[in-house]
């Protein structure tokens, strides 16, 4: 199976998951395409202020230090399949996978990439853009997405934050078909993730990323074997959450939860 992955330029949580995926799938991954990070949508300054209001001074400083450290290590270390990786680009280089950047997936440049690589399957992992019908119709095996929540619950942004904010004891990851609306396609695989009492937003994100790779590999194998049994992602049962407000952040902290 020829697989192309669409993601965002993020260097804290995704690189390790991508490396695990590449080790498992090998040459089946024919390309990785990265779009700008979700935090830059609306402009870098606006994105910074939005996250500053969410994480606070200490959390923003810690996140910034981690990002700067990862960028430095990505420059100083040689990418290899058996080493730690610090960026999506490093993963691609370590496994000799072509890597491309696109501004918007609806641009003609991305369609040209699809025509060039002719993938059987497109996988969206943390891609912050809607993948339209014009793209979906070009992929024989379809387009699937990994969402860190028990769909149809917790559609939308930052599902780990909302699961912790709402006092959930478990969450899940869902591999689902991409549809016309956000997080609304049929579910291929869903795996439960336990939420520990001492889990932070950071630790739960790491848990869901790891579980997401397991679920994704299971879904890909089912697609290969023709054994997929899709479950409905019912609109009437859906809940949707947007980016947290300052009020949401205060309630999150008041509930005894922490970001790091």
C-alpha atoms as a PDB file:
ATOM      1  CA  UNK A   1       0.000   0.000   0.000  1.00  0.00           C
ATOM      2  CA  UNK A   2       1.276   3.460  -0.926  1.00  0.00           C
ATOM      3  CA  UNK A   3       0.657   5.870   1.947  1.00  0.00           C
ATOM      4  CA  UNK A   4       1.065   9.635   2.163  1.00  0.00           C
ATOM      5  CA  UNK A   5       0.834  11.444   5.510  1.00  0.00           C
ATOM      6  CA  UNK A   6      -0.480  14.963   5.968  1.00  0.00           C
ATOM      7  CA  UNK A   7       0.436  16.689   9.220  1.00  0.00           C
ATOM      8  CA  UNK A   8       1.624  19.982  10.731  1.00  0.00           C
ATOM      9  CA  UNK A   9       5.070  21.293  11.628  1.00  0.00           C
ATOM     10  CA  UNK A  10       5.188  20.328  15.315  1.00  0.00           C
ATOM     11  CA  UNK A  11       8.302  19.128  17.128  1.00  0.00           C
ATOM     12  CA  UNK A  12       7.232  18.148  20.654  1.00  0.00           C
ATOM     13  CA  UNK A  13       4.657  15.363  20.494  1.00  0.00           C
ATOM     14  CA  UNK A  14       4.510  14.129  16.905  1.00  0.00           C
ATOM     15  CA  UNK A  15       8.099  13.143  15.958  1.00  0.00           C
ATOM     16  CA  UNK A  16       8.269  10.079  18.215  1.00  0.00           C
ATOM     17  CA  UNK A  17       4.883   8.856  16.981  1.00  0.00           C
ATOM     18  CA  UNK A  18       5.951   9.375  13.386  1.00  0.00           C
ATOM     19  CA  UNK A  19       9.165   7.422  13.955  1.00  0.00           C
ATOM     20  CA  UNK A  20       7.168   4.495  15.373  1.00  0.00           C
ATOM     21  CA  UNK A  21       4.885   4.616  12.361  1.00  0.00           C
ATOM     22  CA  UNK A  22       7.788   4.686   9.906  1.00  0.00           C
ATOM     23  CA  UNK A  23       9.511   1.747  11.590  1.00  0.00           C
ATOM     24  CA  UNK A  24       6.345  -0.292  11.276  1.00  0.00           C
ATOM     25  CA  UNK A  25       5.379   0.634   7.719  1.00  0.00           C
ATOM     26  CA  UNK A  26       8.789   1.114   6.107  1.00  0.00           C
ATOM     27  CA  UNK A  27       8.728   1.926   2.377  1.00  0.00           C
ATOM     28  CA  UNK A  28       4.921   1.989   2.286  1.00  0.00           C
ATOM     29  CA  UNK A  29       5.101   5.624   3.408  1.00  0.00           C
ATOM     30  CA  UNK A  30       5.938   7.409   0.173  1.00  0.00           C
ATOM     31  CA  UNK A  31       5.727  10.980   1.391  1.00  0.00           C
ATOM     32  CA  UNK A  32       5.180  13.249   4.406  1.00  0.00           C
ATOM     33  CA  UNK A  33       3.557  16.629   3.807  1.00  0.00           C
ATOM     34  CA  UNK A  34       3.547  19.272   6.545  1.00  0.00           C
ATOM     35  CA  UNK A  35       1.391  22.386   6.738  1.00  0.00           C
ATOM     36  CA  UNK A  36       1.999  25.318   9.121  1.00  0.00           C
ATOM     37  CA  UNK A  37       1.421  24.569  12.795  1.00  0.00           C
ATOM     38  CA  UNK A  38      -2.041  25.167  14.206  1.00  0.00           C
ATOM     39  CA  UNK A  39      -0.592  27.709  16.666  1.00  0.00           C
ATOM     40  CA  UNK A  40       0.372  30.008  13.768  1.00  0.00           C
ATOM     41  CA  UNK A  41      -3.129  30.243  12.272  1.00  0.00           C
ATOM     42  CA  UNK A  42      -4.239  33.839  12.365  1.00  0.00           C
ATOM     43  CA  UNK A  43      -0.616  34.956  12.657  1.00  0.00           C
ATOM     44  CA  UNK A  44       2.278  34.082  14.937  1.00  0.00           C
ATOM     45  CA  UNK A  45       1.605  36.902  17.420  1.00  0.00           C
ATOM     46  CA  UNK A  46      -2.074  36.073  17.772  1.00  0.00           C
ATOM     47  CA  UNK A  47      -1.226  32.365  18.158  1.00  0.00           C
ATOM     48  CA  UNK A  48       1.354  33.124  20.840  1.00  0.00           C
ATOM     49  CA  UNK A  49      -1.035  35.304  22.839  1.00  0.00           C
ATOM     50  CA  UNK A  50      -3.790  32.704  22.639  1.00  0.00           C
ATOM     51  CA  UNK A  51      -1.502  29.993  24.012  1.00  0.00           C
ATOM     52  CA  UNK A  52      -0.006  32.372  26.580  1.00  0.00           C
ATOM     53  CA  UNK A  53      -3.469  33.001  27.994  1.00  0.00           C
ATOM     54  CA  UNK A  54      -4.045  29.251  28.165  1.00  0.00           C
ATOM     55  CA  UNK A  55      -0.749  28.019  29.624  1.00  0.00           C
ATOM     56  CA  UNK A  56       0.173  31.057  31.679  1.00  0.00           C
ATOM     57  CA  UNK A  57       3.657  32.511  32.123  1.00  0.00           C
ATOM     58  CA  UNK A  58       5.321  29.405  33.563  1.00  0.00           C
ATOM     59  CA  UNK A  59       3.684  26.991  31.114  1.00  0.00           C
ATOM     60  CA  UNK A  60       4.437  29.210  28.123  1.00  0.00           C
ATOM     61  CA  UNK A  61       8.085  29.529  29.195  1.00  0.00           C
ATOM     62  CA  UNK A  62       8.364  25.754  29.580  1.00  0.00           C
ATOM     63  CA  UNK A  63       6.720  25.103  26.229  1.00  0.00           C
ATOM     64  CA  UNK A  64       8.947  27.687  24.546  1.00  0.00           C
ATOM     65  CA  UNK A  65      12.065  26.163  26.069  1.00  0.00           C
ATOM     66  CA  UNK A  66      11.050  22.704  24.866  1.00  0.00           C
ATOM     67  CA  UNK A  67      10.383  23.965  21.350  1.00  0.00           C
ATOM     68  CA  UNK A  68      13.727  25.826  21.225  1.00  0.00           C
ATOM     69  CA  UNK A  69      15.586  22.785  22.575  1.00  0.00           C
ATOM     70  CA  UNK A  70      13.972  20.481  20.001  1.00  0.00           C
ATOM     71  CA  UNK A  71      14.822  22.865  17.166  1.00  0.00           C
ATOM     72  CA  UNK A  72      18.434  23.069  18.310  1.00  0.00           C
ATOM     73  CA  UNK A  73      18.767  19.287  18.656  1.00  0.00           C
ATOM     74  CA  UNK A  74      17.194  18.818  15.230  1.00  0.00           C
ATOM     75  CA  UNK A  75      20.015  20.952  13.815  1.00  0.00           C
ATOM     76  CA  UNK A  76      22.812  19.343  15.835  1.00  0.00           C
ATOM     77  CA  UNK A  77      21.920  15.649  15.617  1.00  0.00           C
ATOM     78  CA  UNK A  78      22.129  13.384  12.621  1.00  0.00           C
ATOM     79  CA  UNK A  79      18.794  11.690  11.869  1.00  0.00           C
ATOM     80  CA  UNK A  80      18.877   7.908  12.048  1.00  0.00           C
ATOM     81  CA  UNK A  81      16.097   5.333  12.454  1.00  0.00           C
ATOM     82  CA  UNK A  82      17.519   4.086  15.774  1.00  0.00           C
ATOM     83  CA  UNK A  83      17.915   7.541  17.361  1.00  0.00           C
ATOM     84  CA  UNK A  84      15.606  10.031  19.036  1.00  0.00           C
ATOM     85  CA  UNK A  85      14.127  12.495  16.560  1.00  0.00           C
ATOM     86  CA  UNK A  86      13.236  16.120  17.161  1.00  0.00           C
ATOM     87  CA  UNK A  87      11.174  17.213  14.173  1.00  0.00           C
ATOM     88  CA  UNK A  88       8.933  15.771  11.478  1.00  0.00           C
ATOM     89  CA  UNK A  89      11.613  16.660   8.930  1.00  0.00           C
ATOM     90  CA  UNK A  90      14.157  14.625  10.912  1.00  0.00           C
ATOM     91  CA  UNK A  91      11.847  11.615  10.831  1.00  0.00           C
ATOM     92  CA  UNK A  92      11.513  11.902   7.067  1.00  0.00           C
ATOM     93  CA  UNK A  93      15.279  12.194   6.637  1.00  0.00           C
ATOM     94  CA  UNK A  94      15.981   9.302   9.015  1.00  0.00           C
ATOM     95  CA  UNK A  95      13.773   6.958   6.997  1.00  0.00           C
ATOM     96  CA  UNK A  96      14.604   8.427   3.567  1.00  0.00           C
ATOM     97  CA  UNK A  97      11.018   9.574   2.998  1.00  0.00           C
ATOM     98  CA  UNK A  98      10.347  12.581   0.744  1.00  0.00           C
ATOM     99  CA  UNK A  99       9.251  15.591   2.803  1.00  0.00           C
ATOM    100  CA  UNK A 100       7.260  18.556   1.519  1.00  0.00           C
ATOM    101  CA  UNK A 101       5.765  21.726   2.978  1.00  0.00           C
ATOM    102  CA  UNK A 102       2.492  23.222   1.780  1.00  0.00           C
ATOM    103  CA  UNK A 103       0.751  26.389   2.875  1.00  0.00           C
ATOM    104  CA  UNK A 104      -2.807  25.231   2.246  1.00  0.00           C
ATOM    105  CA  UNK A 105      -3.932  21.757   1.269  1.00  0.00           C
ATOM    106  CA  UNK A 106      -6.479  23.194  -1.136  1.00  0.00           C
ATOM    107  CA  UNK A 107      -3.699  24.803  -3.185  1.00  0.00           C
ATOM    108  CA  UNK A 108      -2.817  23.371  -6.574  1.00  0.00           C
ATOM    109  CA  UNK A 109       0.680  22.465  -5.322  1.00  0.00           C
ATOM    110  CA  UNK A 110      -0.722  19.823  -2.994  1.00  0.00           C
ATOM    111  CA  UNK A 111      -2.928  18.364  -5.701  1.00  0.00           C
ATOM    112  CA  UNK A 112       0.154  18.113  -7.877  1.00  0.00           C
ATOM    113  CA  UNK A 113       1.924  16.199  -5.126  1.00  0.00           C
ATOM    114  CA  UNK A 114      -0.948  13.731  -4.989  1.00  0.00           C
ATOM    115  CA  UNK A 115      -0.845  13.310  -8.750  1.00  0.00           C
ATOM    116  CA  UNK A 116       2.909  12.718  -8.561  1.00  0.00           C
ATOM    117  CA  UNK A 117       2.891  10.150  -5.739  1.00  0.00           C
ATOM    118  CA  UNK A 118      -0.477   8.540  -6.487  1.00  0.00           C
ATOM    119  CA  UNK A 119      -1.063   7.247  -2.925  1.00  0.00           C
ATOM    120  CA  UNK A 120      -3.548   4.490  -2.156  1.00  0.00           C
ATOM    121  CA  UNK A 121      -4.246   5.966   1.283  1.00  0.00           C
ATOM    122  CA  UNK A 122      -3.952   9.430   2.824  1.00  0.00           C
ATOM    123  CA  UNK A 123      -3.477   9.686   6.574  1.00  0.00           C
ATOM    124  CA  UNK A 124      -4.126  12.939   8.408  1.00  0.00           C
ATOM    125  CA  UNK A 125      -2.331  13.289  11.734  1.00  0.00           C
ATOM    126  CA  UNK A 126      -2.878  16.583  13.560  1.00  0.00           C
ATOM    127  CA  UNK A 127      -3.426  18.396  10.285  1.00  0.00           C
ATOM    128  CA  UNK A 128      -5.119  21.711  11.130  1.00  0.00           C
ATOM    129  CA  UNK A 129      -6.863  22.083   7.776  1.00  0.00           C
ATOM    130  CA  UNK A 130     -10.032  20.669   6.246  1.00  0.00           C
ATOM    131  CA  UNK A 131      -9.357  18.102   3.510  1.00  0.00           C
ATOM    132  CA  UNK A 132     -11.959  18.709   0.848  1.00  0.00           C
ATOM    133  CA  UNK A 133     -13.834  16.349  -1.445  1.00  0.00           C
ATOM    134  CA  UNK A 134     -11.575  17.227  -4.380  1.00  0.00           C
ATOM    135  CA  UNK A 135      -8.684  15.650  -2.458  1.00  0.00           C
ATOM    136  CA  UNK A 136     -10.624  12.773  -0.934  1.00  0.00           C
ATOM    137  CA  UNK A 137     -11.906  11.650  -4.319  1.00  0.00           C
ATOM    138  CA  UNK A 138      -8.341  11.212  -5.615  1.00  0.00           C
ATOM    139  CA  UNK A 139      -7.364   8.566  -3.038  1.00  0.00           C
ATOM    140  CA  UNK A 140      -8.468   4.970  -3.897  1.00  0.00           C
ATOM    141  CA  UNK A 141      -8.475   3.655  -0.302  1.00  0.00           C
ATOM    142  CA  UNK A 142      -9.745   6.929   1.084  1.00  0.00           C
ATOM    143  CA  UNK A 143      -8.504   9.410   3.676  1.00  0.00           C
ATOM    144  CA  UNK A 144      -8.398   8.649   7.385  1.00  0.00           C
ATOM    145  CA  UNK A 145      -7.666  10.786  10.421  1.00  0.00           C
ATOM    146  CA  UNK A 146      -6.445  10.145  13.962  1.00  0.00           C
ATOM    147  CA  UNK A 147      -8.385  12.087  16.598  1.00  0.00           C
ATOM    148  CA  UNK A 148      -7.484  11.983  20.294  1.00  0.00           C
ATOM    149  CA  UNK A 149     -10.990  11.475  21.620  1.00  0.00           C
ATOM    150  CA  UNK A 150     -13.802   8.897  21.882  1.00  0.00           C
ATOM    151  CA  UNK A 151     -15.793  10.047  18.861  1.00  0.00           C
ATOM    152  CA  UNK A 152     -18.514  11.123  18.462  1.00  0.00           C
ATOM    153  CA  UNK A 153     -17.746  12.772  21.813  1.00  0.00           C
ATOM    154  CA  UNK A 154     -15.182  15.565  22.003  1.00  0.00           C
ATOM    155  CA  UNK A 155     -15.037  16.608  18.402  1.00  0.00           C
ATOM    156  CA  UNK A 156     -12.984  19.715  17.752  1.00  0.00           C
ATOM    157  CA  UNK A 157      -9.874  21.198  19.356  1.00  0.00           C
ATOM    158  CA  UNK A 158      -7.733  20.075  22.308  1.00  0.00           C
ATOM    159  CA  UNK A 159      -9.808  17.045  23.327  1.00  0.00           C
ATOM    160  CA  UNK A 160      -7.311  16.063  26.051  1.00  0.00           C
ATOM    161  CA  UNK A 161      -7.799  19.426  27.756  1.00  0.00           C
ATOM    162  CA  UNK A 162     -11.559  19.008  27.751  1.00  0.00           C
ATOM    163  CA  UNK A 163     -11.441  15.405  28.958  1.00  0.00           C
ATOM    164  CA  UNK A 164      -9.383  16.528  31.966  1.00  0.00           C
ATOM    165  CA  UNK A 165     -11.481  19.643  32.488  1.00  0.00           C
ATOM    166  CA  UNK A 166     -14.667  17.573  32.565  1.00  0.00           C
ATOM    167  CA  UNK A 167     -13.325  15.032  35.051  1.00  0.00           C
ATOM    168  CA  UNK A 168     -13.262  12.036  32.725  1.00  0.00           C
ATOM    169  CA  UNK A 169     -11.528   8.897  33.995  1.00  0.00           C
ATOM    170  CA  UNK A 170     -10.991   7.542  30.483  1.00  0.00           C
ATOM    171  CA  UNK A 171     -10.688   8.973  27.018  1.00  0.00           C
ATOM    172  CA  UNK A 172      -9.857   7.326  23.693  1.00  0.00           C
ATOM    173  CA  UNK A 173      -8.276   7.719  20.286  1.00  0.00           C
ATOM    174  CA  UNK A 174     -10.334   7.242  17.130  1.00  0.00           C
ATOM    175  CA  UNK A 175      -9.233   6.464  13.596  1.00  0.00           C
ATOM    176  CA  UNK A 176     -12.014   7.609  11.299  1.00  0.00           C
ATOM    177  CA  UNK A 177     -12.801   8.399   7.690  1.00  0.00           C
ATOM    178  CA  UNK A 178     -12.468  12.014   6.704  1.00  0.00           C
ATOM    179  CA  UNK A 179     -15.805  13.512   5.764  1.00  0.00           C
ATOM    180  CA  UNK A 180     -17.220  16.848   4.754  1.00  0.00           C
ATOM    181  CA  UNK A 181     -17.408  18.080   8.356  1.00  0.00           C
ATOM    182  CA  UNK A 182     -14.875  18.117  11.174  1.00  0.00           C
ATOM    183  CA  UNK A 183     -14.396  14.723  12.877  1.00  0.00           C
ATOM    184  CA  UNK A 184     -17.610  13.309  11.393  1.00  0.00           C
ATOM    185  CA  UNK A 185     -16.500  10.276   9.333  1.00  0.00           C
ATOM    186  CA  UNK A 186     -17.234   6.648  10.180  1.00  0.00           C
ATOM    187  CA  UNK A 187     -14.976   5.103  12.838  1.00  0.00           C
ATOM    188  CA  UNK A 188     -12.540   2.337  11.830  1.00  0.00           C
ATOM    189  CA  UNK A 189     -10.730   1.721  15.125  1.00  0.00           C
ATOM    190  CA  UNK A 190     -11.132   3.160  18.607  1.00  0.00           C
ATOM    191  CA  UNK A 191      -8.847   2.522  21.584  1.00  0.00           C
ATOM    192  CA  UNK A 192      -9.547   3.518  25.158  1.00  0.00           C
ATOM    193  CA  UNK A 193      -6.932   5.485  27.121  1.00  0.00           C
ATOM    194  CA  UNK A 194      -7.007   5.553  30.904  1.00  0.00           C
ATOM    195  CA  UNK A 195      -6.698   8.919  32.638  1.00  0.00           C
ATOM    196  CA  UNK A 196      -4.685   8.675  35.853  1.00  0.00           C
ATOM    197  CA  UNK A 197      -5.333  10.966  38.814  1.00  0.00           C
ATOM    198  CA  UNK A 198      -1.935  12.611  38.326  1.00  0.00           C
ATOM    199  CA  UNK A 199      -2.167  12.987  34.557  1.00  0.00           C
ATOM    200  CA  UNK A 200      -1.438  16.456  33.241  1.00  0.00           C
ATOM    201  CA  UNK A 201      -2.431  17.809  29.859  1.00  0.00           C
ATOM    202  CA  UNK A 202       1.129  17.122  28.715  1.00  0.00           C
ATOM    203  CA  UNK A 203       1.221  13.505  29.916  1.00  0.00           C
ATOM    204  CA  UNK A 204      -2.224  12.734  28.508  1.00  0.00           C
ATOM    205  CA  UNK A 205      -1.287  14.150  25.102  1.00  0.00           C
ATOM    206  CA  UNK A 206       1.723  11.802  25.090  1.00  0.00           C
ATOM    207  CA  UNK A 207      -0.500   8.863  26.009  1.00  0.00           C
ATOM    208  CA  UNK A 208      -3.019   9.603  23.267  1.00  0.00           C
ATOM    209  CA  UNK A 209      -0.310  10.102  20.631  1.00  0.00           C
ATOM    210  CA  UNK A 210       1.177   6.687  21.453  1.00  0.00           C
ATOM    211  CA  UNK A 211      -2.247   5.029  21.450  1.00  0.00           C
ATOM    212  CA  UNK A 212      -3.076   6.791  18.200  1.00  0.00           C
ATOM    213  CA  UNK A 213      -0.183   5.087  16.419  1.00  0.00           C
ATOM    214  CA  UNK A 214      -1.346   1.673  17.673  1.00  0.00           C
ATOM    215  CA  UNK A 215      -4.888   2.346  16.496  1.00  0.00           C
ATOM    216  CA  UNK A 216      -3.673   3.652  13.155  1.00  0.00           C
ATOM    217  CA  UNK A 217      -1.512   0.592  12.470  1.00  0.00           C
ATOM    218  CA  UNK A 218      -4.466  -1.635  13.326  1.00  0.00           C
ATOM    219  CA  UNK A 219      -6.720   0.313  10.951  1.00  0.00           C
ATOM    220  CA  UNK A 220      -4.173   0.115   8.120  1.00  0.00           C
ATOM    221  CA  UNK A 221      -3.852  -3.640   8.549  1.00  0.00           C
ATOM    222  CA  UNK A 222      -7.628  -4.000   8.452  1.00  0.00           C
ATOM    223  CA  UNK A 223      -7.758  -1.961   5.244  1.00  0.00           C
ATOM    224  CA  UNK A 224      -5.131  -4.233   3.705  1.00  0.00           C
ATOM    225  CA  UNK A 225      -6.962  -7.379   4.800  1.00  0.00           C
ATOM    226  CA  UNK A 226     -10.391  -6.065   3.838  1.00  0.00           C
ATOM    227  CA  UNK A 227     -11.671  -6.689   7.369  1.00  0.00           C
ATOM    228  CA  UNK A 228     -12.654  -3.163   8.384  1.00  0.00           C
ATOM    229  CA  UNK A 229     -15.981  -2.957  10.197  1.00  0.00           C
ATOM    230  CA  UNK A 230     -16.816   0.715  10.331  1.00  0.00           C
ATOM    231  CA  UNK A 231     -18.951   2.058  13.172  1.00  0.00           C
ATOM    232  CA  UNK A 232     -21.238   5.067  12.798  1.00  0.00           C
ATOM    233  CA  UNK A 233     -19.998   8.372  14.161  1.00  0.00           C
ATOM    234  CA  UNK A 234     -23.449   9.591  15.109  1.00  0.00           C
ATOM    235  CA  UNK A 235     -24.128  13.287  14.801  1.00  0.00           C
ATOM    236  CA  UNK A 236     -26.909  13.147  17.398  1.00  0.00           C
ATOM    237  CA  UNK A 237     -24.420  11.894  20.010  1.00  0.00           C
ATOM    238  CA  UNK A 238     -21.679  14.375  19.127  1.00  0.00           C
ATOM    239  CA  UNK A 239     -20.200  16.988  21.414  1.00  0.00           C
ATOM    240  CA  UNK A 240     -17.961  19.723  20.043  1.00  0.00           C
ATOM    241  CA  UNK A 241     -15.330  21.833  21.800  1.00  0.00           C
ATOM    242  CA  UNK A 242     -13.339  24.816  20.549  1.00  0.00           C
ATOM    243  CA  UNK A 243     -10.098  26.353  21.825  1.00  0.00           C
ATOM    244  CA  UNK A 244     -10.365  26.976  25.599  1.00  0.00           C
ATOM    245  CA  UNK A 245     -11.077  30.463  26.870  1.00  0.00           C
ATOM    246  CA  UNK A 246      -9.475  32.083  29.908  1.00  0.00           C
ATOM    247  CA  UNK A 247     -12.565  31.073  31.897  1.00  0.00           C
ATOM    248  CA  UNK A 248     -12.123  27.450  30.787  1.00  0.00           C
ATOM    249  CA  UNK A 249      -8.467  27.597  31.848  1.00  0.00           C
ATOM    250  CA  UNK A 250      -9.422  28.825  35.322  1.00  0.00           C
ATOM    251  CA  UNK A 251     -11.977  26.052  35.735  1.00  0.00           C
ATOM    252  CA  UNK A 252      -9.392  23.505  34.546  1.00  0.00           C
ATOM    253  CA  UNK A 253      -6.931  24.651  37.222  1.00  0.00           C
ATOM    254  CA  UNK A 254      -9.650  24.926  39.873  1.00  0.00           C
ATOM    255  CA  UNK A 255     -10.510  21.271  39.215  1.00  0.00           C
ATOM    256  CA  UNK A 256      -6.960  20.370  40.317  1.00  0.00           C
ATOM    257  CA  UNK A 257      -5.611  19.740  36.833  1.00  0.00           C
ATOM    258  CA  UNK A 258      -2.276  20.999  35.538  1.00  0.00           C
ATOM    259  CA  UNK A 259      -0.782  21.484  32.103  1.00  0.00           C
ATOM    260  CA  UNK A 260       2.712  20.174  32.938  1.00  0.00           C
END
